Amino acid sequence: FYVHLIIELIAQAVRMKIVLPKID
């Protein structure tokens, strides 16, 4: 579960990097 949480937080940073530029 610690592994899951850490990877989830990393994945969230990737999501932000991809999606946020689409809405300026």
PDBML (XML) file of the C-alpha atoms, coordinates in Angstrom:
<?xml version="1.0" encoding="UTF-8" ?>
<PDBx:datablock datablockName="MODEL"
   xmlns:PDBx="http://pdbml.pdb.org/schema/pdbx-v50.xsd"
   xmlns:xsi="http://www.w3.org/2001/XMLSchema-instance"
   xsi:schemaLocation="http://pdbml.pdb.org/schema/pdbx-v50.xsd pdbx-v50.xsd">
   <PDBx:atom_siteCategory>
      <PDBx:atom_site id="1">
         <PDBx:B_iso_or_equiv>0.00</PDBx:B_iso_or_equiv>
         <PDBx:Cartn_x>0.000</PDBx:Cartn_x>
         <PDBx:Cartn_y>0.000</PDBx:Cartn_y>
         <PDBx:Cartn_z>0.000</PDBx:Cartn_z>
         <PDBx:auth_asym_id>A</PDBx:auth_asym_id>
         <PDBx:auth_atom_id>CA</PDBx:auth_atom_id>
         <PDBx:auth_comp_id>PHE</PDBx:auth_comp_id>
         <PDBx:auth_seq_id>1</PDBx:auth_seq_id>
         <PDBx:group_PDB>ATOM</PDBx:group_PDB>
         <PDBx:label_alt_id xsi:nil="true" />
         <PDBx:label_asym_id>A</PDBx:label_asym_id>
         <PDBx:label_atom_id>CA</PDBx:label_atom_id>
         <PDBx:label_comp_id>PHE</PDBx:label_comp_id>
         <PDBx:label_entity_id>1</PDBx:label_entity_id>
         <PDBx:label_seq_id>1</PDBx:label_seq_id>
         <PDBx:occupancy>1.00</PDBx:occupancy>
         <PDBx:pdbx_PDB_model_num>1</PDBx:pdbx_PDB_model_num>
         <PDBx:type_symbol>C</PDBx:type_symbol>
      </PDBx:atom_site>
      <PDBx:atom_site id="2">
         <PDBx:B_iso_or_equiv>0.00</PDBx:B_iso_or_equiv>
         <PDBx:Cartn_x>2.950</PDBx:Cartn_x>
         <PDBx:Cartn_y>2.325</PDBx:Cartn_y>
         <PDBx:Cartn_z>0.597</PDBx:Cartn_z>
         <PDBx:auth_asym_id>A</PDBx:auth_asym_id>
         <PDBx:auth_atom_id>CA</PDBx:auth_atom_id>
         <PDBx:auth_comp_id>TYR</PDBx:auth_comp_id>
         <PDBx:auth_seq_id>2</PDBx:auth_seq_id>
         <PDBx:group_PDB>ATOM</PDBx:group_PDB>
         <PDBx:label_alt_id xsi:nil="true" />
         <PDBx:label_asym_id>A</PDBx:label_asym_id>
         <PDBx:label_atom_id>CA</PDBx:label_atom_id>
         <PDBx:label_comp_id>TYR</PDBx:label_comp_id>
         <PDBx:label_entity_id>1</PDBx:label_entity_id>
         <PDBx:label_seq_id>2</PDBx:label_seq_id>
         <PDBx:occupancy>1.00</PDBx:occupancy>
         <PDBx:pdbx_PDB_model_num>1</PDBx:pdbx_PDB_model_num>
         <PDBx:type_symbol>C</PDBx:type_symbol>
      </PDBx:atom_site>
      <PDBx:atom_site id="3">
         <PDBx:B_iso_or_equiv>0.00</PDBx:B_iso_or_equiv>
         <PDBx:Cartn_x>4.164</PDBx:Cartn_x>
         <PDBx:Cartn_y>1.472</PDBx:Cartn_y>
         <PDBx:Cartn_z>-2.916</PDBx:Cartn_z>
         <PDBx:auth_asym_id>A</PDBx:auth_asym_id>
         <PDBx:auth_atom_id>CA</PDBx:auth_atom_id>
         <PDBx:auth_comp_id>VAL</PDBx:auth_comp_id>
         <PDBx:auth_seq_id>3</PDBx:auth_seq_id>
         <PDBx:group_PDB>ATOM</PDBx:group_PDB>
         <PDBx:label_alt_id xsi:nil="true" />
         <PDBx:label_asym_id>A</PDBx:label_asym_id>
         <PDBx:label_atom_id>CA</PDBx:label_atom_id>
         <PDBx:label_comp_id>VAL</PDBx:label_comp_id>
         <PDBx:label_entity_id>1</PDBx:label_entity_id>
         <PDBx:label_seq_id>3</PDBx:label_seq_id>
         <PDBx:occupancy>1.00</PDBx:occupancy>
         <PDBx:pdbx_PDB_model_num>1</PDBx:pdbx_PDB_model_num>
         <PDBx:type_symbol>C</PDBx:type_symbol>
      </PDBx:atom_site>
      <PDBx:atom_site id="4">
         <PDBx:B_iso_or_equiv>0.00</PDBx:B_iso_or_equiv>
         <PDBx:Cartn_x>0.652</PDBx:Cartn_x>
         <PDBx:Cartn_y>2.144</PDBx:Cartn_y>
         <PDBx:Cartn_z>-4.281</PDBx:Cartn_z>
         <PDBx:auth_asym_id>A</PDBx:auth_asym_id>
         <PDBx:auth_atom_id>CA</PDBx:auth_atom_id>
         <PDBx:auth_comp_id>HIS</PDBx:auth_comp_id>
         <PDBx:auth_seq_id>4</PDBx:auth_seq_id>
         <PDBx:group_PDB>ATOM</PDBx:group_PDB>
         <PDBx:label_alt_id xsi:nil="true" />
         <PDBx:label_asym_id>A</PDBx:label_asym_id>
         <PDBx:label_atom_id>CA</PDBx:label_atom_id>
         <PDBx:label_comp_id>HIS</PDBx:label_comp_id>
         <PDBx:label_entity_id>1</PDBx:label_entity_id>
         <PDBx:label_seq_id>4</PDBx:label_seq_id>
         <PDBx:occupancy>1.00</PDBx:occupancy>
         <PDBx:pdbx_PDB_model_num>1</PDBx:pdbx_PDB_model_num>
         <PDBx:type_symbol>C</PDBx:type_symbol>
      </PDBx:atom_site>
      <PDBx:atom_site id="5">
         <PDBx:B_iso_or_equiv>0.00</PDBx:B_iso_or_equiv>
         <PDBx:Cartn_x>0.463</PDBx:Cartn_x>
         <PDBx:Cartn_y>5.539</PDBx:Cartn_y>
         <PDBx:Cartn_z>-2.543</PDBx:Cartn_z>
         <PDBx:auth_asym_id>A</PDBx:auth_asym_id>
         <PDBx:auth_atom_id>CA</PDBx:auth_atom_id>
         <PDBx:auth_comp_id>LEU</PDBx:auth_comp_id>
         <PDBx:auth_seq_id>5</PDBx:auth_seq_id>
         <PDBx:group_PDB>ATOM</PDBx:group_PDB>
         <PDBx:label_alt_id xsi:nil="true" />
         <PDBx:label_asym_id>A</PDBx:label_asym_id>
         <PDBx:label_atom_id>CA</PDBx:label_atom_id>
         <PDBx:label_comp_id>LEU</PDBx:label_comp_id>
         <PDBx:label_entity_id>1</PDBx:label_entity_id>
         <PDBx:label_seq_id>5</PDBx:label_seq_id>
         <PDBx:occupancy>1.00</PDBx:occupancy>
         <PDBx:pdbx_PDB_model_num>1</PDBx:pdbx_PDB_model_num>
         <PDBx:type_symbol>C</PDBx:type_symbol>
      </PDBx:atom_site>
      <PDBx:atom_site id="6">
         <PDBx:B_iso_or_equiv>0.00</PDBx:B_iso_or_equiv>
         <PDBx:Cartn_x>3.902</PDBx:Cartn_x>
         <PDBx:Cartn_y>6.685</PDBx:Cartn_y>
         <PDBx:Cartn_z>-3.747</PDBx:Cartn_z>
         <PDBx:auth_asym_id>A</PDBx:auth_asym_id>
         <PDBx:auth_atom_id>CA</PDBx:auth_atom_id>
         <PDBx:auth_comp_id>ILE</PDBx:auth_comp_id>
         <PDBx:auth_seq_id>6</PDBx:auth_seq_id>
         <PDBx:group_PDB>ATOM</PDBx:group_PDB>
         <PDBx:label_alt_id xsi:nil="true" />
         <PDBx:label_asym_id>A</PDBx:label_asym_id>
         <PDBx:label_atom_id>CA</PDBx:label_atom_id>
         <PDBx:label_comp_id>ILE</PDBx:label_comp_id>
         <PDBx:label_entity_id>1</PDBx:label_entity_id>
         <PDBx:label_seq_id>6</PDBx:label_seq_id>
         <PDBx:occupancy>1.00</PDBx:occupancy>
         <PDBx:pdbx_PDB_model_num>1</PDBx:pdbx_PDB_model_num>
         <PDBx:type_symbol>C</PDBx:type_symbol>
      </PDBx:atom_site>
      <PDBx:atom_site id="7">
         <PDBx:B_iso_or_equiv>0.00</PDBx:B_iso_or_equiv>
         <PDBx:Cartn_x>3.218</PDBx:Cartn_x>
         <PDBx:Cartn_y>5.668</PDBx:Cartn_y>
         <PDBx:Cartn_z>-7.357</PDBx:Cartn_z>
         <PDBx:auth_asym_id>A</PDBx:auth_asym_id>
         <PDBx:auth_atom_id>CA</PDBx:auth_atom_id>
         <PDBx:auth_comp_id>ILE</PDBx:auth_comp_id>
         <PDBx:auth_seq_id>7</PDBx:auth_seq_id>
         <PDBx:group_PDB>ATOM</PDBx:group_PDB>
         <PDBx:label_alt_id xsi:nil="true" />
         <PDBx:label_asym_id>A</PDBx:label_asym_id>
         <PDBx:label_atom_id>CA</PDBx:label_atom_id>
         <PDBx:label_comp_id>ILE</PDBx:label_comp_id>
         <PDBx:label_entity_id>1</PDBx:label_entity_id>
         <PDBx:label_seq_id>7</PDBx:label_seq_id>
         <PDBx:occupancy>1.00</PDBx:occupancy>
         <PDBx:pdbx_PDB_model_num>1</PDBx:pdbx_PDB_model_num>
         <PDBx:type_symbol>C</PDBx:type_symbol>
      </PDBx:atom_site>
      <PDBx:atom_site id="8">
         <PDBx:B_iso_or_equiv>0.00</PDBx:B_iso_or_equiv>
         <PDBx:Cartn_x>-0.228</PDBx:Cartn_x>
         <PDBx:Cartn_y>7.303</PDBx:Cartn_y>
         <PDBx:Cartn_z>-7.191</PDBx:Cartn_z>
         <PDBx:auth_asym_id>A</PDBx:auth_asym_id>
         <PDBx:auth_atom_id>CA</PDBx:auth_atom_id>
         <PDBx:auth_comp_id>GLU</PDBx:auth_comp_id>
         <PDBx:auth_seq_id>8</PDBx:auth_seq_id>
         <PDBx:group_PDB>ATOM</PDBx:group_PDB>
         <PDBx:label_alt_id xsi:nil="true" />
         <PDBx:label_asym_id>A</PDBx:label_asym_id>
         <PDBx:label_atom_id>CA</PDBx:label_atom_id>
         <PDBx:label_comp_id>GLU</PDBx:label_comp_id>
         <PDBx:label_entity_id>1</PDBx:label_entity_id>
         <PDBx:label_seq_id>8</PDBx:label_seq_id>
         <PDBx:occupancy>1.00</PDBx:occupancy>
         <PDBx:pdbx_PDB_model_num>1</PDBx:pdbx_PDB_model_num>
         <PDBx:type_symbol>C</PDBx:type_symbol>
      </PDBx:atom_site>
      <PDBx:atom_site id="9">
         <PDBx:B_iso_or_equiv>0.00</PDBx:B_iso_or_equiv>
         <PDBx:Cartn_x>1.378</PDBx:Cartn_x>
         <PDBx:Cartn_y>10.615</PDBx:Cartn_y>
         <PDBx:Cartn_z>-6.139</PDBx:Cartn_z>
         <PDBx:auth_asym_id>A</PDBx:auth_asym_id>
         <PDBx:auth_atom_id>CA</PDBx:auth_atom_id>
         <PDBx:auth_comp_id>LEU</PDBx:auth_comp_id>
         <PDBx:auth_seq_id>9</PDBx:auth_seq_id>
         <PDBx:group_PDB>ATOM</PDBx:group_PDB>
         <PDBx:label_alt_id xsi:nil="true" />
         <PDBx:label_asym_id>A</PDBx:label_asym_id>
         <PDBx:label_atom_id>CA</PDBx:label_atom_id>
         <PDBx:label_comp_id>LEU</PDBx:label_comp_id>
         <PDBx:label_entity_id>1</PDBx:label_entity_id>
         <PDBx:label_seq_id>9</PDBx:label_seq_id>
         <PDBx:occupancy>1.00</PDBx:occupancy>
         <PDBx:pdbx_PDB_model_num>1</PDBx:pdbx_PDB_model_num>
         <PDBx:type_symbol>C</PDBx:type_symbol>
      </PDBx:atom_site>
      <PDBx:atom_site id="10">
         <PDBx:B_iso_or_equiv>0.00</PDBx:B_iso_or_equiv>
         <PDBx:Cartn_x>3.918</PDBx:Cartn_x>
         <PDBx:Cartn_y>10.337</PDBx:Cartn_y>
         <PDBx:Cartn_z>-8.981</PDBx:Cartn_z>
         <PDBx:auth_asym_id>A</PDBx:auth_asym_id>
         <PDBx:auth_atom_id>CA</PDBx:auth_atom_id>
         <PDBx:auth_comp_id>ILE</PDBx:auth_comp_id>
         <PDBx:auth_seq_id>10</PDBx:auth_seq_id>
         <PDBx:group_PDB>ATOM</PDBx:group_PDB>
         <PDBx:label_alt_id xsi:nil="true" />
         <PDBx:label_asym_id>A</PDBx:label_asym_id>
         <PDBx:label_atom_id>CA</PDBx:label_atom_id>
         <PDBx:label_comp_id>ILE</PDBx:label_comp_id>
         <PDBx:label_entity_id>1</PDBx:label_entity_id>
         <PDBx:label_seq_id>10</PDBx:label_seq_id>
         <PDBx:occupancy>1.00</PDBx:occupancy>
         <PDBx:pdbx_PDB_model_num>1</PDBx:pdbx_PDB_model_num>
         <PDBx:type_symbol>C</PDBx:type_symbol>
      </PDBx:atom_site>
      <PDBx:atom_site id="11">
         <PDBx:B_iso_or_equiv>0.00</PDBx:B_iso_or_equiv>
         <PDBx:Cartn_x>1.101</PDBx:Cartn_x>
         <PDBx:Cartn_y>9.522</PDBx:Cartn_y>
         <PDBx:Cartn_z>-11.434</PDBx:Cartn_z>
         <PDBx:auth_asym_id>A</PDBx:auth_asym_id>
         <PDBx:auth_atom_id>CA</PDBx:auth_atom_id>
         <PDBx:auth_comp_id>ALA</PDBx:auth_comp_id>
         <PDBx:auth_seq_id>11</PDBx:auth_seq_id>
         <PDBx:group_PDB>ATOM</PDBx:group_PDB>
         <PDBx:label_alt_id xsi:nil="true" />
         <PDBx:label_asym_id>A</PDBx:label_asym_id>
         <PDBx:label_atom_id>CA</PDBx:label_atom_id>
         <PDBx:label_comp_id>ALA</PDBx:label_comp_id>
         <PDBx:label_entity_id>1</PDBx:label_entity_id>
         <PDBx:label_seq_id>11</PDBx:label_seq_id>
         <PDBx:occupancy>1.00</PDBx:occupancy>
         <PDBx:pdbx_PDB_model_num>1</PDBx:pdbx_PDB_model_num>
         <PDBx:type_symbol>C</PDBx:type_symbol>
      </PDBx:atom_site>
      <PDBx:atom_site id="12">
         <PDBx:B_iso_or_equiv>0.00</PDBx:B_iso_or_equiv>
         <PDBx:Cartn_x>-0.782</PDBx:Cartn_x>
         <PDBx:Cartn_y>12.612</PDBx:Cartn_y>
         <PDBx:Cartn_z>-10.250</PDBx:Cartn_z>
         <PDBx:auth_asym_id>A</PDBx:auth_asym_id>
         <PDBx:auth_atom_id>CA</PDBx:auth_atom_id>
         <PDBx:auth_comp_id>GLN</PDBx:auth_comp_id>
         <PDBx:auth_seq_id>12</PDBx:auth_seq_id>
         <PDBx:group_PDB>ATOM</PDBx:group_PDB>
         <PDBx:label_alt_id xsi:nil="true" />
         <PDBx:label_asym_id>A</PDBx:label_asym_id>
         <PDBx:label_atom_id>CA</PDBx:label_atom_id>
         <PDBx:label_comp_id>GLN</PDBx:label_comp_id>
         <PDBx:label_entity_id>1</PDBx:label_entity_id>
         <PDBx:label_seq_id>12</PDBx:label_seq_id>
         <PDBx:occupancy>1.00</PDBx:occupancy>
         <PDBx:pdbx_PDB_model_num>1</PDBx:pdbx_PDB_model_num>
         <PDBx:type_symbol>C</PDBx:type_symbol>
      </PDBx:atom_site>
      <PDBx:atom_site id="13">
         <PDBx:B_iso_or_equiv>0.00</PDBx:B_iso_or_equiv>
         <PDBx:Cartn_x>2.199</PDBx:Cartn_x>
         <PDBx:Cartn_y>14.812</PDBx:Cartn_y>
         <PDBx:Cartn_z>-11.128</PDBx:Cartn_z>
         <PDBx:auth_asym_id>A</PDBx:auth_asym_id>
         <PDBx:auth_atom_id>CA</PDBx:auth_atom_id>
         <PDBx:auth_comp_id>ALA</PDBx:auth_comp_id>
         <PDBx:auth_seq_id>13</PDBx:auth_seq_id>
         <PDBx:group_PDB>ATOM</PDBx:group_PDB>
         <PDBx:label_alt_id xsi:nil="true" />
         <PDBx:label_asym_id>A</PDBx:label_asym_id>
         <PDBx:label_atom_id>CA</PDBx:label_atom_id>
         <PDBx:label_comp_id>ALA</PDBx:label_comp_id>
         <PDBx:label_entity_id>1</PDBx:label_entity_id>
         <PDBx:label_seq_id>13</PDBx:label_seq_id>
         <PDBx:occupancy>1.00</PDBx:occupancy>
         <PDBx:pdbx_PDB_model_num>1</PDBx:pdbx_PDB_model_num>
         <PDBx:type_symbol>C</PDBx:type_symbol>
      </PDBx:atom_site>
      <PDBx:atom_site id="14">
         <PDBx:B_iso_or_equiv>0.00</PDBx:B_iso_or_equiv>
         <PDBx:Cartn_x>2.235</PDBx:Cartn_x>
         <PDBx:Cartn_y>13.247</PDBx:Cartn_y>
         <PDBx:Cartn_z>-14.617</PDBx:Cartn_z>
         <PDBx:auth_asym_id>A</PDBx:auth_asym_id>
         <PDBx:auth_atom_id>CA</PDBx:auth_atom_id>
         <PDBx:auth_comp_id>VAL</PDBx:auth_comp_id>
         <PDBx:auth_seq_id>14</PDBx:auth_seq_id>
         <PDBx:group_PDB>ATOM</PDBx:group_PDB>
         <PDBx:label_alt_id xsi:nil="true" />
         <PDBx:label_asym_id>A</PDBx:label_asym_id>
         <PDBx:label_atom_id>CA</PDBx:label_atom_id>
         <PDBx:label_comp_id>VAL</PDBx:label_comp_id>
         <PDBx:label_entity_id>1</PDBx:label_entity_id>
         <PDBx:label_seq_id>14</PDBx:label_seq_id>
         <PDBx:occupancy>1.00</PDBx:occupancy>
         <PDBx:pdbx_PDB_model_num>1</PDBx:pdbx_PDB_model_num>
         <PDBx:type_symbol>C</PDBx:type_symbol>
      </PDBx:atom_site>
      <PDBx:atom_site id="15">
         <PDBx:B_iso_or_equiv>0.00</PDBx:B_iso_or_equiv>
         <PDBx:Cartn_x>-1.530</PDBx:Cartn_x>
         <PDBx:Cartn_y>13.838</PDBx:Cartn_y>
         <PDBx:Cartn_z>-15.000</PDBx:Cartn_z>
         <PDBx:auth_asym_id>A</PDBx:auth_asym_id>
         <PDBx:auth_atom_id>CA</PDBx:auth_atom_id>
         <PDBx:auth_comp_id>ARG</PDBx:auth_comp_id>
         <PDBx:auth_seq_id>15</PDBx:auth_seq_id>
         <PDBx:group_PDB>ATOM</PDBx:group_PDB>
         <PDBx:label_alt_id xsi:nil="true" />
         <PDBx:label_asym_id>A</PDBx:label_asym_id>
         <PDBx:label_atom_id>CA</PDBx:label_atom_id>
         <PDBx:label_comp_id>ARG</PDBx:label_comp_id>
         <PDBx:label_entity_id>1</PDBx:label_entity_id>
         <PDBx:label_seq_id>15</PDBx:label_seq_id>
         <PDBx:occupancy>1.00</PDBx:occupancy>
         <PDBx:pdbx_PDB_model_num>1</PDBx:pdbx_PDB_model_num>
         <PDBx:type_symbol>C</PDBx:type_symbol>
      </PDBx:atom_site>
      <PDBx:atom_site id="16">
         <PDBx:B_iso_or_equiv>0.00</PDBx:B_iso_or_equiv>
         <PDBx:Cartn_x>-1.059</PDBx:Cartn_x>
         <PDBx:Cartn_y>17.493</PDBx:Cartn_y>
         <PDBx:Cartn_z>-14.087</PDBx:Cartn_z>
         <PDBx:auth_asym_id>A</PDBx:auth_asym_id>
         <PDBx:auth_atom_id>CA</PDBx:auth_atom_id>
         <PDBx:auth_comp_id>MET</PDBx:auth_comp_id>
         <PDBx:auth_seq_id>16</PDBx:auth_seq_id>
         <PDBx:group_PDB>ATOM</PDBx:group_PDB>
         <PDBx:label_alt_id xsi:nil="true" />
         <PDBx:label_asym_id>A</PDBx:label_asym_id>
         <PDBx:label_atom_id>CA</PDBx:label_atom_id>
         <PDBx:label_comp_id>MET</PDBx:label_comp_id>
         <PDBx:label_entity_id>1</PDBx:label_entity_id>
         <PDBx:label_seq_id>16</PDBx:label_seq_id>
         <PDBx:occupancy>1.00</PDBx:occupancy>
         <PDBx:pdbx_PDB_model_num>1</PDBx:pdbx_PDB_model_num>
         <PDBx:type_symbol>C</PDBx:type_symbol>
      </PDBx:atom_site>
      <PDBx:atom_site id="17">
         <PDBx:B_iso_or_equiv>0.00</PDBx:B_iso_or_equiv>
         <PDBx:Cartn_x>1.804</PDBx:Cartn_x>
         <PDBx:Cartn_y>17.839</PDBx:Cartn_y>
         <PDBx:Cartn_z>-16.578</PDBx:Cartn_z>
         <PDBx:auth_asym_id>A</PDBx:auth_asym_id>
         <PDBx:auth_atom_id>CA</PDBx:auth_atom_id>
         <PDBx:auth_comp_id>LYS</PDBx:auth_comp_id>
         <PDBx:auth_seq_id>17</PDBx:auth_seq_id>
         <PDBx:group_PDB>ATOM</PDBx:group_PDB>
         <PDBx:label_alt_id xsi:nil="true" />
         <PDBx:label_asym_id>A</PDBx:label_asym_id>
         <PDBx:label_atom_id>CA</PDBx:label_atom_id>
         <PDBx:label_comp_id>LYS</PDBx:label_comp_id>
         <PDBx:label_entity_id>1</PDBx:label_entity_id>
         <PDBx:label_seq_id>17</PDBx:label_seq_id>
         <PDBx:occupancy>1.00</PDBx:occupancy>
         <PDBx:pdbx_PDB_model_num>1</PDBx:pdbx_PDB_model_num>
         <PDBx:type_symbol>C</PDBx:type_symbol>
      </PDBx:atom_site>
      <PDBx:atom_site id="18">
         <PDBx:B_iso_or_equiv>0.00</PDBx:B_iso_or_equiv>
         <PDBx:Cartn_x>-0.353</PDBx:Cartn_x>
         <PDBx:Cartn_y>16.473</PDBx:Cartn_y>
         <PDBx:Cartn_z>-19.426</PDBx:Cartn_z>
         <PDBx:auth_asym_id>A</PDBx:auth_asym_id>
         <PDBx:auth_atom_id>CA</PDBx:auth_atom_id>
         <PDBx:auth_comp_id>ILE</PDBx:auth_comp_id>
         <PDBx:auth_seq_id>18</PDBx:auth_seq_id>
         <PDBx:group_PDB>ATOM</PDBx:group_PDB>
         <PDBx:label_alt_id xsi:nil="true" />
         <PDBx:label_asym_id>A</PDBx:label_asym_id>
         <PDBx:label_atom_id>CA</PDBx:label_atom_id>
         <PDBx:label_comp_id>ILE</PDBx:label_comp_id>
         <PDBx:label_entity_id>1</PDBx:label_entity_id>
         <PDBx:label_seq_id>18</PDBx:label_seq_id>
         <PDBx:occupancy>1.00</PDBx:occupancy>
         <PDBx:pdbx_PDB_model_num>1</PDBx:pdbx_PDB_model_num>
         <PDBx:type_symbol>C</PDBx:type_symbol>
      </PDBx:atom_site>
      <PDBx:atom_site id="19">
         <PDBx:B_iso_or_equiv>0.00</PDBx:B_iso_or_equiv>
         <PDBx:Cartn_x>-3.756</PDBx:Cartn_x>
         <PDBx:Cartn_y>18.023</PDBx:Cartn_y>
         <PDBx:Cartn_z>-18.627</PDBx:Cartn_z>
         <PDBx:auth_asym_id>A</PDBx:auth_asym_id>
         <PDBx:auth_atom_id>CA</PDBx:auth_atom_id>
         <PDBx:auth_comp_id>VAL</PDBx:auth_comp_id>
         <PDBx:auth_seq_id>19</PDBx:auth_seq_id>
         <PDBx:group_PDB>ATOM</PDBx:group_PDB>
         <PDBx:label_alt_id xsi:nil="true" />
         <PDBx:label_asym_id>A</PDBx:label_asym_id>
         <PDBx:label_atom_id>CA</PDBx:label_atom_id>
         <PDBx:label_comp_id>VAL</PDBx:label_comp_id>
         <PDBx:label_entity_id>1</PDBx:label_entity_id>
         <PDBx:label_seq_id>19</PDBx:label_seq_id>
         <PDBx:occupancy>1.00</PDBx:occupancy>
         <PDBx:pdbx_PDB_model_num>1</PDBx:pdbx_PDB_model_num>
         <PDBx:type_symbol>C</PDBx:type_symbol>
      </PDBx:atom_site>
      <PDBx:atom_site id="20">
         <PDBx:B_iso_or_equiv>0.00</PDBx:B_iso_or_equiv>
         <PDBx:Cartn_x>-3.090</PDBx:Cartn_x>
         <PDBx:Cartn_y>21.504</PDBx:Cartn_y>
         <PDBx:Cartn_z>-17.200</PDBx:Cartn_z>
         <PDBx:auth_asym_id>A</PDBx:auth_asym_id>
         <PDBx:auth_atom_id>CA</PDBx:auth_atom_id>
         <PDBx:auth_comp_id>LEU</PDBx:auth_comp_id>
         <PDBx:auth_seq_id>20</PDBx:auth_seq_id>
         <PDBx:group_PDB>ATOM</PDBx:group_PDB>
         <PDBx:label_alt_id xsi:nil="true" />
         <PDBx:label_asym_id>A</PDBx:label_asym_id>
         <PDBx:label_atom_id>CA</PDBx:label_atom_id>
         <PDBx:label_comp_id>LEU</PDBx:label_comp_id>
         <PDBx:label_entity_id>1</PDBx:label_entity_id>
         <PDBx:label_seq_id>20</PDBx:label_seq_id>
         <PDBx:occupancy>1.00</PDBx:occupancy>
         <PDBx:pdbx_PDB_model_num>1</PDBx:pdbx_PDB_model_num>
         <PDBx:type_symbol>C</PDBx:type_symbol>
      </PDBx:atom_site>
      <PDBx:atom_site id="21">
         <PDBx:B_iso_or_equiv>0.00</PDBx:B_iso_or_equiv>
         <PDBx:Cartn_x>-1.636</PDBx:Cartn_x>
         <PDBx:Cartn_y>22.971</PDBx:Cartn_y>
         <PDBx:Cartn_z>-20.451</PDBx:Cartn_z>
         <PDBx:auth_asym_id>A</PDBx:auth_asym_id>
         <PDBx:auth_atom_id>CA</PDBx:auth_atom_id>
         <PDBx:auth_comp_id>PRO</PDBx:auth_comp_id>
         <PDBx:auth_seq_id>21</PDBx:auth_seq_id>
         <PDBx:group_PDB>ATOM</PDBx:group_PDB>
         <PDBx:label_alt_id xsi:nil="true" />
         <PDBx:label_asym_id>A</PDBx:label_asym_id>
         <PDBx:label_atom_id>CA</PDBx:label_atom_id>
         <PDBx:label_comp_id>PRO</PDBx:label_comp_id>
         <PDBx:label_entity_id>1</PDBx:label_entity_id>
         <PDBx:label_seq_id>21</PDBx:label_seq_id>
         <PDBx:occupancy>1.00</PDBx:occupancy>
         <PDBx:pdbx_PDB_model_num>1</PDBx:pdbx_PDB_model_num>
         <PDBx:type_symbol>C</PDBx:type_symbol>
      </PDBx:atom_site>
      <PDBx:atom_site id="22">
         <PDBx:B_iso_or_equiv>0.00</PDBx:B_iso_or_equiv>
         <PDBx:Cartn_x>-4.893</PDBx:Cartn_x>
         <PDBx:Cartn_y>22.009</PDBx:Cartn_y>
         <PDBx:Cartn_z>-22.203</PDBx:Cartn_z>
         <PDBx:auth_asym_id>A</PDBx:auth_asym_id>
         <PDBx:auth_atom_id>CA</PDBx:auth_atom_id>
         <PDBx:auth_comp_id>LYS</PDBx:auth_comp_id>
         <PDBx:auth_seq_id>22</PDBx:auth_seq_id>
         <PDBx:group_PDB>ATOM</PDBx:group_PDB>
         <PDBx:label_alt_id xsi:nil="true" />
         <PDBx:label_asym_id>A</PDBx:label_asym_id>
         <PDBx:label_atom_id>CA</PDBx:label_atom_id>
         <PDBx:label_comp_id>LYS</PDBx:label_comp_id>
         <PDBx:label_entity_id>1</PDBx:label_entity_id>
         <PDBx:label_seq_id>22</PDBx:label_seq_id>
         <PDBx:occupancy>1.00</PDBx:occupancy>
         <PDBx:pdbx_PDB_model_num>1</PDBx:pdbx_PDB_model_num>
         <PDBx:type_symbol>C</PDBx:type_symbol>
      </PDBx:atom_site>
      <PDBx:atom_site id="23">
         <PDBx:B_iso_or_equiv>0.00</PDBx:B_iso_or_equiv>
         <PDBx:Cartn_x>-6.799</PDBx:Cartn_x>
         <PDBx:Cartn_y>24.564</PDBx:Cartn_y>
         <PDBx:Cartn_z>-20.099</PDBx:Cartn_z>
         <PDBx:auth_asym_id>A</PDBx:auth_asym_id>
         <PDBx:auth_atom_id>CA</PDBx:auth_atom_id>
         <PDBx:auth_comp_id>ILE</PDBx:auth_comp_id>
         <PDBx:auth_seq_id>23</PDBx:auth_seq_id>
         <PDBx:group_PDB>ATOM</PDBx:group_PDB>
         <PDBx:label_alt_id xsi:nil="true" />
         <PDBx:label_asym_id>A</PDBx:label_asym_id>
         <PDBx:label_atom_id>CA</PDBx:label_atom_id>
         <PDBx:label_comp_id>ILE</PDBx:label_comp_id>
         <PDBx:label_entity_id>1</PDBx:label_entity_id>
         <PDBx:label_seq_id>23</PDBx:label_seq_id>
         <PDBx:occupancy>1.00</PDBx:occupancy>
         <PDBx:pdbx_PDB_model_num>1</PDBx:pdbx_PDB_model_num>
         <PDBx:type_symbol>C</PDBx:type_symbol>
      </PDBx:atom_site>
      <PDBx:atom_site id="24">
         <PDBx:B_iso_or_equiv>0.00</PDBx:B_iso_or_equiv>
         <PDBx:Cartn_x>-3.979</PDBx:Cartn_x>
         <PDBx:Cartn_y>27.158</PDBx:Cartn_y>
         <PDBx:Cartn_z>-19.893</PDBx:Cartn_z>
         <PDBx:auth_asym_id>A</PDBx:auth_asym_id>
         <PDBx:auth_atom_id>CA</PDBx:auth_atom_id>
         <PDBx:auth_comp_id>ASP</PDBx:auth_comp_id>
         <PDBx:auth_seq_id>24</PDBx:auth_seq_id>
         <PDBx:group_PDB>ATOM</PDBx:group_PDB>
         <PDBx:label_alt_id xsi:nil="true" />
         <PDBx:label_asym_id>A</PDBx:label_asym_id>
         <PDBx:label_atom_id>CA</PDBx:label_atom_id>
         <PDBx:label_comp_id>ASP</PDBx:label_comp_id>
         <PDBx:label_entity_id>1</PDBx:label_entity_id>
         <PDBx:label_seq_id>24</PDBx:label_seq_id>
         <PDBx:occupancy>1.00</PDBx:occupancy>
         <PDBx:pdbx_PDB_model_num>1</PDBx:pdbx_PDB_model_num>
         <PDBx:type_symbol>C</PDBx:type_symbol>
      </PDBx:atom_site>
   </PDBx:atom_siteCategory>
</PDBx:datablock>
